[in-house]
Amino acid sequence: MLIDKGAATASIVYEMIHRQVEELFFATLVMNDGVFTFTSEIDLSELPAYISLDTNNLLLEGVRRLDELEYFHKLIPGPNIVLQRKSRSFPPRLQEEVEDVFLGHCDGRRTLGELAETTGLGEYEATRLAYQLLQEGALEVIPTESTRDDSLQFIVGRFNDMIDRVVETVDAAGFGQPFLLEMRAFPLSGGEFQDCTERLDLDEEGHLDYDNVVEILADTDVEDRMSYIVQVLTQYVFYCLFLSDRYLTRDTHRKLGIEVHTMLQKIGA
């Protein structure tokens, strides 16, 4: 119909079909769970079009996007973030048409997910553009309960990643079980944040529980609760890193410390 009405050429339609299939593939890669159906009986004559795509290239591009999305999440924890264009602020360079369109839709009410759908950019491109414009000062984040939840889930997840890295390193040295027993004694070890740390509910692997952290945060009487909980969880990670010194060689412990601090800096950013 587009071709018949002169709205697009056959080559443009074919290119857009390719792009749509690619975006569906990339969107599947970022899914944490789902229900999938596989079939070996397909009537090729019923397919609307034949698409030739390089699977290896798609996977490589998908992995690159996943890495970039993790980087973008330093400022943008998830698609529920609400963005608003700053009044009388413009990026310090000539805007492209797609940026003008995107900025025009950032009204302080739409979420990033809604912006991605409305503009047709898709999750990756919308997130990349939002990150870029936030860095340039053209956008601001409108705090909502949903974005705070996304941020806290991101924070707890990253701290659990650090714990995993420490435990894996000690376990590789053959001392995993005694180390885990010492780790889980942390809530009883006092310190500046004892009121919070003694309430941490750690599982057998030393992981933090998100719902437990939410409860602790809700009962915390401080102005910046998110920064406060990061300090509390940082104390826990540093305690685990301190304990690991007894089980590791000096060089291994030094490398582990650098790795953990690097992971921590990403949360701080």
Protein backbone atom coordinates (compact mmCIF):
# COMPACT_ATOMS: atom_id res chain seq x y z
CA MET A 1 0.00 0.00 0.00
CA LEU A 2 2.85 2.39 0.80
CA ILE A 3 4.45 1.72 -2.56
CA ASP A 4 1.15 2.01 -4.46
CA LYS A 5 0.42 5.38 -2.83
CA GLY A 6 3.93 6.64 -3.57
CA ALA A 7 4.71 7.08 0.13
CA ALA A 8 7.77 4.81 -0.05
CA THR A 9 9.85 2.90 -2.54
CA ALA A 10 10.21 -0.86 -2.51
CA SER A 11 13.84 -0.55 -1.34
CA ILE A 12 12.81 1.60 1.65
CA VAL A 13 10.06 -0.83 2.67
CA TYR A 14 12.46 -3.76 2.36
CA GLU A 15 15.05 -1.91 4.46
CA MET A 16 12.49 -1.12 7.17
CA ILE A 17 11.34 -4.76 7.30
CA HIS A 18 14.96 -5.75 7.86
CA ARG A 19 15.26 -3.18 10.63
CA GLN A 20 12.04 -4.30 12.28
CA VAL A 21 13.18 -7.93 12.39
CA GLU A 22 16.57 -6.86 13.79
CA GLU A 23 14.92 -4.78 16.52
CA LEU A 24 12.69 -7.71 17.47
CA PHE A 25 15.80 -9.88 17.76
CA PHE A 26 17.65 -7.30 19.90
CA ALA A 27 14.57 -6.82 22.11
CA THR A 28 14.50 -10.57 22.74
CA LEU A 29 18.11 -10.52 23.94
CA VAL A 30 17.36 -8.10 26.79
CA MET A 31 14.41 -10.13 28.11
CA ASN A 32 15.06 -11.77 31.49
CA ASP A 33 12.32 -14.35 30.99
CA GLY A 34 9.58 -15.29 28.58
CA VAL A 35 7.52 -18.02 26.96
CA PHE A 36 8.80 -19.24 23.62
CA THR A 37 7.31 -21.58 21.03
CA PHE A 38 9.41 -23.42 18.46
CA THR A 39 8.07 -25.09 15.35
CA SER A 40 9.67 -26.97 12.49
CA GLU A 41 6.58 -26.93 10.28
CA ILE A 42 6.39 -23.60 8.46
CA ASP A 43 4.68 -23.00 5.14
CA LEU A 44 7.15 -20.64 3.47
CA SER A 45 4.56 -19.59 0.93
CA GLU A 46 2.55 -17.91 3.71
CA LEU A 47 5.41 -15.68 4.86
CA PRO A 48 4.98 -12.00 3.93
CA ALA A 49 8.64 -11.60 2.98
CA TYR A 50 11.97 -13.41 2.85
CA ILE A 51 14.73 -11.84 4.98
CA SER A 52 18.39 -12.78 4.85
CA LEU A 53 20.23 -11.83 8.04
CA ASP A 54 23.66 -12.78 9.38
CA THR A 55 23.07 -14.42 12.76
CA ASN A 56 26.67 -13.94 13.91
CA ASN A 57 26.54 -10.23 13.14
CA LEU A 58 23.20 -9.92 14.95
CA LEU A 59 24.64 -11.61 18.05
CA LEU A 60 27.76 -9.42 18.03
CA GLU A 61 25.67 -6.27 17.67
CA GLY A 62 23.31 -7.54 20.36
CA VAL A 63 26.16 -8.09 22.82
CA ARG A 64 27.51 -4.60 22.05
CA ARG A 65 24.09 -3.11 22.77
CA LEU A 66 23.81 -5.04 26.03
CA ASP A 67 27.17 -3.63 27.15
CA GLU A 68 26.11 -0.11 26.22
CA LEU A 69 22.73 -0.44 27.94
CA GLU A 70 24.49 -1.47 31.16
CA TYR A 71 26.61 1.67 30.83
CA PHE A 72 23.55 3.84 30.14
CA HIS A 73 21.87 2.44 33.26
CA LYS A 74 24.22 4.55 35.38
CA LEU A 75 21.88 7.44 34.62
CA ILE A 76 18.84 5.56 33.34
CA PRO A 77 17.85 2.61 35.55
CA GLY A 78 14.98 1.44 33.35
CA PRO A 79 12.20 2.25 30.87
CA ASN A 80 9.94 3.65 33.62
CA ILE A 81 12.07 6.76 34.00
CA VAL A 82 10.17 10.00 33.23
CA LEU A 83 12.04 12.68 31.26
CA GLN A 84 11.40 16.37 30.78
CA ARG A 85 13.08 18.84 28.49
CA LYS A 86 14.73 21.66 30.40
CA SER A 87 13.23 25.02 29.52
CA ARG A 88 15.43 27.19 27.32
CA SER A 89 18.18 24.58 27.27
CA PHE A 90 19.69 23.17 24.13
CA PRO A 91 22.48 20.69 23.50
CA PRO A 92 25.83 22.41 22.82
CA ARG A 93 25.79 21.36 19.18
CA LEU A 94 23.50 21.43 16.19
CA GLN A 95 20.60 19.08 16.84
CA GLU A 96 19.60 16.43 14.38
CA GLU A 97 15.96 16.04 13.44
CA VAL A 98 15.57 12.86 15.50
CA GLU A 99 16.84 14.70 18.59
CA ASP A 100 14.35 17.54 18.07
CA VAL A 101 11.52 15.03 17.75
CA PHE A 102 12.64 13.13 20.85
CA LEU A 103 13.07 16.30 22.92
CA GLY A 104 9.67 17.53 21.81
CA HIS A 105 8.04 14.45 23.32
CA CYS A 106 9.87 14.73 26.67
CA ASP A 107 7.03 16.50 28.49
CA GLY A 108 7.58 15.27 32.06
CA ARG A 109 4.69 12.81 31.78
CA ARG A 110 5.83 10.14 29.33
CA THR A 111 8.13 7.34 30.45
CA LEU A 112 11.18 6.39 28.42
CA GLY A 113 9.35 3.25 27.31
CA GLU A 114 6.46 5.35 26.03
CA LEU A 115 8.87 7.74 24.30
CA ALA A 116 10.58 4.80 22.58
CA GLU A 117 7.22 3.59 21.26
CA THR A 118 5.83 7.03 20.34
CA THR A 119 8.92 8.11 18.40
CA GLY A 120 9.49 4.69 16.85
CA LEU A 121 13.11 4.69 18.01
CA GLY A 122 12.94 1.48 20.00
CA GLU A 123 14.33 0.88 23.50
CA TYR A 124 18.03 0.93 22.63
CA GLU A 125 18.05 4.09 20.50
CA ALA A 126 15.73 5.94 22.89
CA THR A 127 17.91 5.00 25.88
CA ARG A 128 21.10 5.99 24.05
CA LEU A 129 19.61 9.33 23.03
CA ALA A 130 18.20 9.99 26.51
CA TYR A 131 21.60 9.29 28.08
CA GLN A 132 23.30 11.62 25.62
CA LEU A 133 20.82 14.46 26.21
CA LEU A 134 20.96 14.01 29.99
CA GLN A 135 24.74 14.32 29.81
CA GLU A 136 24.39 17.48 27.74
CA GLY A 137 21.94 19.02 30.20
CA ALA A 138 19.03 19.18 27.76
CA LEU A 139 16.88 16.81 29.82
CA GLU A 140 16.09 16.22 33.47
CA VAL A 141 14.65 13.22 35.29
CA ILE A 142 11.29 13.62 37.01
CA PRO A 143 11.41 11.43 40.16
CA THR A 144 8.58 8.93 40.52
CA GLU A 145 7.96 5.99 42.81
CA SER A 146 8.56 3.64 39.88
CA THR A 147 11.96 5.14 39.00
CA ARG A 148 13.05 4.93 42.63
CA ASP A 149 12.12 1.23 42.62
CA ASP A 150 14.10 0.69 39.40
CA SER A 151 17.12 2.48 40.88
CA LEU A 152 17.02 0.43 44.07
CA GLN A 153 16.69 -2.84 42.16
CA PHE A 154 19.70 -1.82 40.07
CA ILE A 155 21.71 -0.96 43.20
CA VAL A 156 20.90 -4.20 45.03
CA GLY A 157 21.66 -6.21 41.89
CA ARG A 158 25.06 -4.60 41.43
CA PHE A 159 26.01 -5.16 45.08
CA ASN A 160 25.05 -8.82 44.75
CA ASP A 161 27.29 -8.98 41.66
CA MET A 162 30.17 -7.71 43.83
CA ILE A 163 29.43 -10.30 46.51
CA ASP A 164 29.40 -13.03 43.87
CA ARG A 165 32.78 -11.89 42.59
CA VAL A 166 34.35 -11.97 46.07
CA VAL A 167 32.84 -15.39 46.90
CA GLU A 168 33.90 -16.87 43.54
CA THR A 169 37.48 -15.71 44.10
CA VAL A 170 37.68 -17.15 47.62
CA ASP A 171 35.93 -20.36 46.54
CA ALA A 172 38.50 -20.80 43.76
CA ALA A 173 41.16 -20.73 46.49
CA GLY A 174 39.34 -23.57 48.28
CA PHE A 175 37.84 -21.67 51.22
CA GLY A 176 34.32 -20.93 50.07
CA GLN A 177 32.32 -22.44 52.95
CA PRO A 178 34.23 -20.99 55.94
CA PHE A 179 34.30 -17.63 54.19
CA LEU A 180 30.52 -17.63 53.68
CA LEU A 181 29.98 -18.36 57.38
CA GLU A 182 32.09 -15.35 58.32
CA MET A 183 30.38 -13.15 55.75
CA ARG A 184 26.93 -13.87 57.11
CA ALA A 185 28.04 -12.73 60.59
CA PHE A 186 28.33 -9.16 59.26
CA PRO A 187 24.94 -7.95 60.58
CA LEU A 188 26.19 -8.71 64.13
CA SER A 189 29.50 -6.91 63.75
CA GLY A 190 28.34 -3.41 64.72
CA GLY A 191 29.72 -0.29 63.12
CA GLU A 192 28.38 3.09 62.06
CA PHE A 193 25.29 1.65 60.36
CA GLN A 194 24.49 -1.06 62.90
CA ASP A 195 20.79 -0.13 63.10
CA CYS A 196 20.48 -1.04 59.41
CA THR A 197 23.10 -3.75 59.04
CA GLU A 198 21.69 -5.89 61.84
CA ARG A 199 18.41 -6.03 59.89
CA LEU A 200 19.98 -7.25 56.65
CA ASP A 201 18.53 -10.62 55.64
CA LEU A 202 21.31 -12.49 53.84
CA ASP A 203 20.79 -15.82 52.09
CA GLU A 204 23.19 -18.77 52.23
CA GLU A 205 25.28 -17.24 49.44
CA GLY A 206 25.58 -13.89 51.22
CA HIS A 207 23.17 -12.19 48.79
CA LEU A 208 21.05 -9.20 49.71
CA ASP A 209 17.26 -9.49 49.48
CA TYR A 210 15.59 -6.65 47.57
CA ASP A 211 12.34 -6.66 49.60
CA ASN A 212 14.36 -6.65 52.81
CA VAL A 213 16.38 -3.64 51.64
CA VAL A 214 13.13 -1.83 50.71
CA GLU A 215 11.81 -2.37 54.27
CA ILE A 216 15.02 -1.07 55.81
CA LEU A 217 15.01 1.96 53.53
CA ALA A 218 11.39 2.77 54.37
CA ASP A 219 12.24 2.92 58.09
CA THR A 220 15.31 5.10 57.58
CA ASP A 221 14.91 8.69 58.75
CA VAL A 222 17.46 10.47 56.53
CA GLU A 223 17.08 13.07 53.80
CA ASP A 224 18.78 11.17 50.98
CA ARG A 225 17.73 7.58 51.59
CA MET A 226 19.20 6.21 48.38
CA SER A 227 22.70 7.51 49.13
CA TYR A 228 22.37 6.25 52.69
CA ILE A 229 21.50 2.69 51.65
CA VAL A 230 24.43 2.71 49.21
CA GLN A 231 26.71 3.58 52.15
CA VAL A 232 25.22 0.74 54.22
CA LEU A 233 25.68 -1.83 51.45
CA THR A 234 29.17 -0.51 50.71
CA GLN A 235 30.12 -1.27 54.32
CA TYR A 236 28.94 -4.83 53.82
CA VAL A 237 30.96 -5.28 50.61
CA PHE A 238 34.07 -3.76 52.21
CA TYR A 239 33.67 -6.10 55.19
CA CYS A 240 33.55 -9.09 52.80
CA LEU A 241 36.60 -7.78 50.96
CA PHE A 242 38.41 -7.35 54.29
CA LEU A 243 37.61 -10.94 55.31
CA SER A 244 38.79 -12.33 51.97
CA ASP A 245 42.34 -11.13 52.68
CA ARG A 246 42.85 -14.08 55.06
CA TYR A 247 42.09 -16.59 52.33
CA LEU A 248 43.83 -15.09 49.30
CA THR A 249 47.35 -14.33 48.18
CA ARG A 250 48.39 -10.70 48.28
CA ASP A 251 48.34 -10.36 44.49
CA THR A 252 44.92 -12.04 44.12
CA HIS A 253 43.45 -9.88 46.89
CA ARG A 254 44.85 -6.73 45.30
CA LYS A 255 43.31 -7.59 41.93
CA LEU A 256 39.99 -8.43 43.57
CA GLY A 257 40.01 -5.11 45.42
CA ILE A 258 40.55 -3.19 42.19
CA GLU A 259 37.73 -5.10 40.51
CA VAL A 260 35.27 -4.49 43.37
CA HIS A 261 36.14 -0.77 43.56
CA THR A 262 35.59 -0.46 39.81
CA MET A 263 32.15 -2.05 40.13
CA LEU A 264 31.37 0.25 43.06
CA GLN A 265 32.33 3.35 41.08
CA LYS A 266 29.71 2.47 38.45
CA ILE A 267 27.03 2.63 41.16
CA GLY A 268 28.42 5.92 42.46
CA ALA A 269 28.22 7.40 38.97
